[in-house]
C-alpha cells in the first residue's frame, strides 16, 4: 500500500476529488495547511491596506491506496491540480505497512 500526500491550491480541490472518484478512490483526508516556499509570498488586503503574507493557503489531500492503484492516483492528482503556475504544490509517496479499521479491527488492503 502507498500513502500519497498532495499539497494543492484550494480552488483545485473539487476537480481533484472528482478525478480521484473516477479512478476508484473511496476515501481521503483533506486538511487546510499553509505553505512557505520561494513562490508562496502573497499580497493581502485588510481594511484597505495591502500587506504581505509569507505563506499561502493550501490543502493537503492524503490518500492510502493499493499498490496497483497508486500510479493512477498520482497521475490523476497531477492532471487535476495543475495550473502551470508556480505554487501548484507537490505530491509525495511513501510505503504503508498496515491499515487498521478502528471500528471493526479489520486490517490490510481490504480496509481501503
N, C-alpha and C. Protein backbone atom coordinates (compact mmCIF):
# COMPACT_ATOMS: atom_id res chain seq x y z
N UNK A 1 0.84 -1.17 0.00
CA UNK A 1 0.00 0.00 0.00
C UNK A 1 0.89 1.24 0.00
N UNK A 2 0.35 2.33 -0.53
CA UNK A 2 1.08 3.60 -0.61
C UNK A 2 0.26 4.71 0.05
N UNK A 3 0.98 5.61 0.73
CA UNK A 3 0.37 6.82 1.26
C UNK A 3 0.77 7.96 0.33
N UNK A 4 -0.21 8.65 -0.22
CA UNK A 4 0.02 9.72 -1.16
C UNK A 4 -0.47 11.01 -0.52
N UNK A 5 0.44 11.96 -0.35
CA UNK A 5 0.11 13.28 0.18
C UNK A 5 0.28 14.29 -0.93
N UNK A 6 -0.75 15.09 -1.16
CA UNK A 6 -0.68 16.13 -2.17
C UNK A 6 -1.00 17.47 -1.53
N UNK A 7 -0.16 18.46 -1.78
CA UNK A 7 -0.42 19.83 -1.37
C UNK A 7 -0.90 20.57 -2.62
N UNK A 8 -2.14 21.07 -2.57
CA UNK A 8 -2.75 21.65 -3.77
C UNK A 8 -3.36 23.02 -3.45
N UNK A 9 -3.68 23.75 -4.51
CA UNK A 9 -4.39 25.02 -4.36
C UNK A 9 -5.84 24.72 -3.96
N UNK A 10 -6.42 25.51 -3.05
CA UNK A 10 -7.79 25.24 -2.60
C UNK A 10 -8.83 25.18 -3.72
N UNK A 11 -8.69 26.03 -4.72
CA UNK A 11 -9.71 26.05 -5.77
C UNK A 11 -9.62 24.84 -6.70
N UNK A 12 -8.61 24.00 -6.56
CA UNK A 12 -8.48 22.80 -7.39
C UNK A 12 -9.04 21.55 -6.71
N UNK A 13 -9.51 21.68 -5.45
CA UNK A 13 -9.96 20.51 -4.70
C UNK A 13 -11.09 19.76 -5.39
N UNK A 14 -12.11 20.46 -5.83
CA UNK A 14 -13.26 19.78 -6.43
C UNK A 14 -12.83 18.93 -7.63
N UNK A 15 -11.99 19.49 -8.47
CA UNK A 15 -11.52 18.74 -9.64
C UNK A 15 -10.68 17.53 -9.23
N UNK A 16 -9.82 17.69 -8.22
CA UNK A 16 -9.00 16.58 -7.74
C UNK A 16 -9.90 15.47 -7.18
N UNK A 17 -10.87 15.83 -6.35
CA UNK A 17 -11.78 14.84 -5.76
C UNK A 17 -12.55 14.12 -6.86
N UNK A 18 -13.09 14.85 -7.82
CA UNK A 18 -13.84 14.22 -8.91
C UNK A 18 -12.97 13.25 -9.69
N UNK A 19 -11.73 13.65 -9.98
CA UNK A 19 -10.82 12.78 -10.73
C UNK A 19 -10.51 11.51 -9.93
N UNK A 20 -10.25 11.66 -8.64
CA UNK A 20 -9.93 10.51 -7.80
C UNK A 20 -11.12 9.56 -7.68
N UNK A 21 -12.33 10.08 -7.61
CA UNK A 21 -13.51 9.22 -7.55
C UNK A 21 -13.65 8.40 -8.84
N UNK A 22 -13.34 9.02 -9.98
CA UNK A 22 -13.40 8.29 -11.25
C UNK A 22 -12.38 7.15 -11.28
N UNK A 23 -11.25 7.35 -10.63
CA UNK A 23 -10.20 6.34 -10.59
C UNK A 23 -10.58 5.19 -9.66
N UNK A 24 -11.44 5.47 -8.67
CA UNK A 24 -11.86 4.44 -7.74
C UNK A 24 -11.47 4.68 -6.29
N UNK A 25 -10.97 5.87 -6.00
CA UNK A 25 -10.62 6.21 -4.62
C UNK A 25 -11.91 6.45 -3.86
N UNK A 26 -12.08 5.74 -2.73
CA UNK A 26 -13.32 5.84 -1.97
C UNK A 26 -13.22 6.80 -0.79
N UNK A 27 -12.01 7.07 -0.32
CA UNK A 27 -11.87 7.95 0.82
C UNK A 27 -10.55 8.69 0.80
N UNK A 28 -10.55 9.85 1.44
CA UNK A 28 -9.34 10.67 1.53
C UNK A 28 -9.51 11.62 2.70
N UNK A 29 -8.42 12.19 3.15
CA UNK A 29 -8.45 13.20 4.20
C UNK A 29 -7.98 14.51 3.60
N UNK A 30 -8.69 15.60 3.92
CA UNK A 30 -8.34 16.92 3.41
C UNK A 30 -8.14 17.84 4.62
N UNK A 31 -7.00 18.53 4.65
CA UNK A 31 -6.71 19.45 5.75
C UNK A 31 -6.23 20.78 5.19
N UNK A 32 -6.60 21.86 5.85
CA UNK A 32 -6.11 23.19 5.47
C UNK A 32 -4.70 23.35 6.03
N UNK A 33 -3.79 23.78 5.17
CA UNK A 33 -2.39 24.00 5.56
C UNK A 33 -1.91 25.31 4.95
N UNK A 34 -0.74 25.76 5.36
CA UNK A 34 -0.11 26.95 4.77
C UNK A 34 1.27 26.56 4.31
N UNK A 35 1.60 26.92 3.08
CA UNK A 35 2.89 26.58 2.52
C UNK A 35 3.82 27.78 2.51
N UNK A 36 5.09 27.52 2.79
CA UNK A 36 6.10 28.56 2.73
C UNK A 36 7.19 28.08 1.78
N UNK A 37 7.40 28.83 0.70
CA UNK A 37 8.44 28.50 -0.27
C UNK A 37 8.79 29.76 -1.04
N UNK A 38 9.63 29.62 -2.04
CA UNK A 38 10.01 30.78 -2.85
C UNK A 38 8.83 31.41 -3.55
N UNK A 39 7.82 30.61 -3.86
CA UNK A 39 6.72 31.12 -4.68
C UNK A 39 5.43 31.37 -3.89
N UNK A 40 5.48 31.34 -2.56
CA UNK A 40 4.23 31.42 -1.82
C UNK A 40 3.92 32.76 -1.20
N UNK A 41 4.83 33.72 -1.24
CA UNK A 41 4.50 35.01 -0.65
C UNK A 41 3.38 35.66 -1.45
N UNK A 42 2.32 36.03 -0.76
CA UNK A 42 1.17 36.61 -1.43
C UNK A 42 0.83 37.95 -0.80
N UNK A 43 0.14 38.78 -1.56
CA UNK A 43 -0.32 40.08 -1.07
C UNK A 43 -1.75 39.94 -0.60
N UNK A 44 -2.06 40.54 0.53
CA UNK A 44 -3.41 40.55 1.06
C UNK A 44 -3.88 41.97 1.26
N UNK A 45 -5.18 42.13 1.47
CA UNK A 45 -5.74 43.45 1.74
C UNK A 45 -6.61 43.32 2.98
N UNK A 46 -6.38 44.19 3.96
CA UNK A 46 -7.18 44.22 5.18
C UNK A 46 -7.55 45.66 5.48
N UNK A 47 -8.85 45.94 5.47
CA UNK A 47 -9.36 47.29 5.70
C UNK A 47 -8.70 48.32 4.77
N UNK A 48 -8.55 47.92 3.54
CA UNK A 48 -8.00 48.82 2.54
C UNK A 48 -6.48 48.91 2.50
N UNK A 49 -5.80 48.28 3.43
CA UNK A 49 -4.34 48.31 3.48
C UNK A 49 -3.78 47.02 2.89
N UNK A 50 -2.79 47.16 2.03
CA UNK A 50 -2.12 45.98 1.45
C UNK A 50 -1.03 45.51 2.40
N UNK A 51 -0.85 44.21 2.49
CA UNK A 51 0.20 43.63 3.32
C UNK A 51 0.69 42.34 2.69
N UNK A 52 1.90 41.94 3.07
CA UNK A 52 2.49 40.69 2.55
C UNK A 52 2.23 39.56 3.54
N UNK A 53 1.87 38.41 2.98
CA UNK A 53 1.71 37.19 3.79
C UNK A 53 2.83 36.24 3.37
N UNK A 54 3.63 35.75 4.32
CA UNK A 54 4.76 34.89 3.96
C UNK A 54 4.33 33.48 3.55
N UNK A 55 3.07 33.14 3.75
CA UNK A 55 2.62 31.81 3.38
C UNK A 55 1.33 31.90 2.59
N UNK A 56 1.06 30.87 1.84
CA UNK A 56 -0.15 30.83 1.03
C UNK A 56 -1.04 29.68 1.49
N UNK A 57 -2.34 29.89 1.53
CA UNK A 57 -3.23 28.81 1.94
C UNK A 57 -3.23 27.69 0.90
N UNK A 58 -3.14 26.48 1.38
CA UNK A 58 -3.16 25.30 0.53
C UNK A 58 -3.99 24.22 1.23
N UNK A 59 -4.29 23.15 0.52
CA UNK A 59 -4.96 21.99 1.09
C UNK A 59 -4.03 20.79 0.97
N UNK A 60 -4.03 19.97 2.00
CA UNK A 60 -3.29 18.71 1.96
C UNK A 60 -4.30 17.59 1.82
N UNK A 61 -4.16 16.83 0.74
CA UNK A 61 -5.03 15.70 0.47
C UNK A 61 -4.20 14.44 0.72
N UNK A 62 -4.68 13.57 1.60
CA UNK A 62 -3.97 12.34 1.93
C UNK A 62 -4.83 11.15 1.53
N UNK A 63 -4.22 10.23 0.79
CA UNK A 63 -4.89 9.03 0.32
C UNK A 63 -4.00 7.84 0.62
N UNK A 64 -4.58 6.75 1.11
CA UNK A 64 -3.86 5.49 1.20
C UNK A 64 -4.47 4.59 0.13
N UNK A 65 -3.63 4.12 -0.79
CA UNK A 65 -4.11 3.37 -1.95
C UNK A 65 -3.36 2.04 -2.09
N UNK A 66 -4.03 1.08 -2.72
CA UNK A 66 -3.36 -0.17 -3.05
C UNK A 66 -2.20 0.13 -4.00
N UNK A 67 -1.18 -0.73 -3.96
CA UNK A 67 0.00 -0.52 -4.80
C UNK A 67 -0.36 -0.40 -6.28
N UNK A 68 -1.32 -1.21 -6.75
CA UNK A 68 -1.67 -1.19 -8.17
C UNK A 68 -2.44 0.07 -8.57
N UNK A 69 -3.09 0.73 -7.61
CA UNK A 69 -3.87 1.93 -7.89
C UNK A 69 -3.06 3.22 -7.74
N UNK A 70 -1.95 3.15 -7.01
CA UNK A 70 -1.17 4.35 -6.68
C UNK A 70 -0.71 5.15 -7.91
N UNK A 71 -0.16 4.54 -8.96
CA UNK A 71 0.26 5.35 -10.12
C UNK A 71 -0.89 6.13 -10.75
N UNK A 72 -2.08 5.54 -10.81
CA UNK A 72 -3.24 6.23 -11.37
C UNK A 72 -3.68 7.38 -10.48
N UNK A 73 -3.59 7.18 -9.15
CA UNK A 73 -3.95 8.24 -8.21
C UNK A 73 -3.01 9.43 -8.39
N UNK A 74 -1.72 9.17 -8.44
CA UNK A 74 -0.73 10.24 -8.61
C UNK A 74 -0.97 10.96 -9.94
N UNK A 75 -1.16 10.22 -11.01
CA UNK A 75 -1.39 10.84 -12.32
C UNK A 75 -2.66 11.69 -12.30
N UNK A 76 -3.70 11.21 -11.65
CA UNK A 76 -4.95 11.96 -11.56
C UNK A 76 -4.78 13.26 -10.80
N UNK A 77 -4.05 13.21 -9.68
CA UNK A 77 -3.80 14.43 -8.91
C UNK A 77 -3.01 15.43 -9.75
N UNK A 78 -1.95 14.95 -10.41
CA UNK A 78 -1.11 15.85 -11.21
C UNK A 78 -1.92 16.53 -12.30
N UNK A 79 -2.79 15.79 -12.96
CA UNK A 79 -3.59 16.37 -14.04
C UNK A 79 -4.64 17.36 -13.51
N UNK A 80 -5.30 16.99 -12.41
CA UNK A 80 -6.40 17.81 -11.90
C UNK A 80 -5.93 19.04 -11.14
N UNK A 81 -4.76 18.99 -10.53
CA UNK A 81 -4.29 20.10 -9.69
C UNK A 81 -3.43 21.10 -10.44
N UNK A 82 -2.96 20.76 -11.62
CA UNK A 82 -2.01 21.61 -12.35
C UNK A 82 -2.68 22.85 -12.92
N UNK A 83 -2.04 24.01 -12.68
CA UNK A 83 -2.47 25.26 -13.31
C UNK A 83 -1.34 25.84 -14.17
N UNK A 84 -0.18 25.20 -14.16
CA UNK A 84 1.01 25.64 -14.89
C UNK A 84 1.58 26.95 -14.35
N UNK A 85 1.31 27.24 -13.08
CA UNK A 85 1.87 28.42 -12.43
C UNK A 85 2.68 27.98 -11.22
N UNK A 86 3.69 28.79 -10.84
CA UNK A 86 4.46 28.48 -9.65
C UNK A 86 3.53 28.39 -8.45
N UNK A 87 3.78 27.43 -7.57
CA UNK A 87 2.96 27.27 -6.37
C UNK A 87 1.85 26.25 -6.53
N UNK A 88 1.88 25.46 -7.61
CA UNK A 88 0.84 24.45 -7.81
C UNK A 88 0.86 23.37 -6.72
N UNK A 89 2.00 23.15 -6.08
CA UNK A 89 2.06 22.18 -5.00
C UNK A 89 3.00 21.03 -5.29
N UNK A 90 2.91 20.02 -4.44
CA UNK A 90 3.76 18.83 -4.57
C UNK A 90 2.95 17.58 -4.23
N UNK A 91 3.48 16.43 -4.65
CA UNK A 91 2.93 15.13 -4.30
C UNK A 91 4.05 14.30 -3.73
N UNK A 92 3.82 13.68 -2.58
CA UNK A 92 4.81 12.76 -2.02
C UNK A 92 4.17 11.39 -1.85
N UNK A 93 5.00 10.35 -1.99
CA UNK A 93 4.51 8.98 -1.97
C UNK A 93 5.39 8.18 -1.01
N UNK A 94 4.76 7.43 -0.12
CA UNK A 94 5.50 6.60 0.83
C UNK A 94 4.83 5.25 1.01
N UNK A 95 5.57 4.31 1.57
CA UNK A 95 5.03 2.98 1.83
C UNK A 95 4.21 2.96 3.11
N UNK A 96 3.17 2.14 3.12
CA UNK A 96 2.34 1.92 4.30
C UNK A 96 2.45 0.45 4.66
N UNK A 97 2.79 0.18 5.90
CA UNK A 97 2.97 -1.21 6.35
C UNK A 97 1.62 -1.88 6.59
N UNK A 98 0.68 -1.18 7.21
CA UNK A 98 -0.62 -1.78 7.50
C UNK A 98 -1.65 -0.67 7.71
N UNK A 99 -2.91 -1.02 7.54
CA UNK A 99 -4.04 -0.14 7.80
C UNK A 99 -5.02 -0.93 8.64
N UNK A 100 -5.54 -0.31 9.70
CA UNK A 100 -6.48 -0.99 10.59
C UNK A 100 -7.72 -0.13 10.76
N UNK A 101 -8.89 -0.73 10.53
CA UNK A 101 -10.15 -0.02 10.75
C UNK A 101 -10.45 -0.06 12.24
N UNK A 102 -10.59 1.11 12.85
CA UNK A 102 -10.78 1.21 14.30
C UNK A 102 -12.06 0.51 14.74
N UNK A 103 -13.15 0.73 14.05
CA UNK A 103 -14.44 0.20 14.47
C UNK A 103 -14.48 -1.32 14.55
N UNK A 104 -13.90 -2.00 13.55
CA UNK A 104 -14.01 -3.46 13.48
C UNK A 104 -12.72 -4.20 13.80
N UNK A 105 -11.59 -3.52 13.74
CA UNK A 105 -10.31 -4.18 13.95
C UNK A 105 -9.77 -4.85 12.70
N UNK A 106 -10.50 -4.78 11.58
CA UNK A 106 -10.02 -5.36 10.33
C UNK A 106 -8.72 -4.68 9.94
N UNK A 107 -7.85 -5.42 9.23
CA UNK A 107 -6.61 -4.81 8.77
C UNK A 107 -6.28 -5.30 7.37
N UNK A 108 -5.37 -4.57 6.74
CA UNK A 108 -4.90 -4.93 5.41
C UNK A 108 -5.57 -4.11 4.32
N UNK A 109 -5.22 -4.41 3.08
CA UNK A 109 -5.73 -3.64 1.94
C UNK A 109 -7.26 -3.66 1.80
N UNK A 110 -7.91 -4.68 2.35
CA UNK A 110 -9.37 -4.77 2.25
C UNK A 110 -10.06 -3.61 2.97
N UNK A 111 -9.36 -3.02 3.94
CA UNK A 111 -9.92 -1.90 4.70
C UNK A 111 -10.14 -0.68 3.79
N UNK A 112 -9.31 -0.55 2.77
CA UNK A 112 -9.41 0.59 1.88
C UNK A 112 -10.65 0.47 1.02
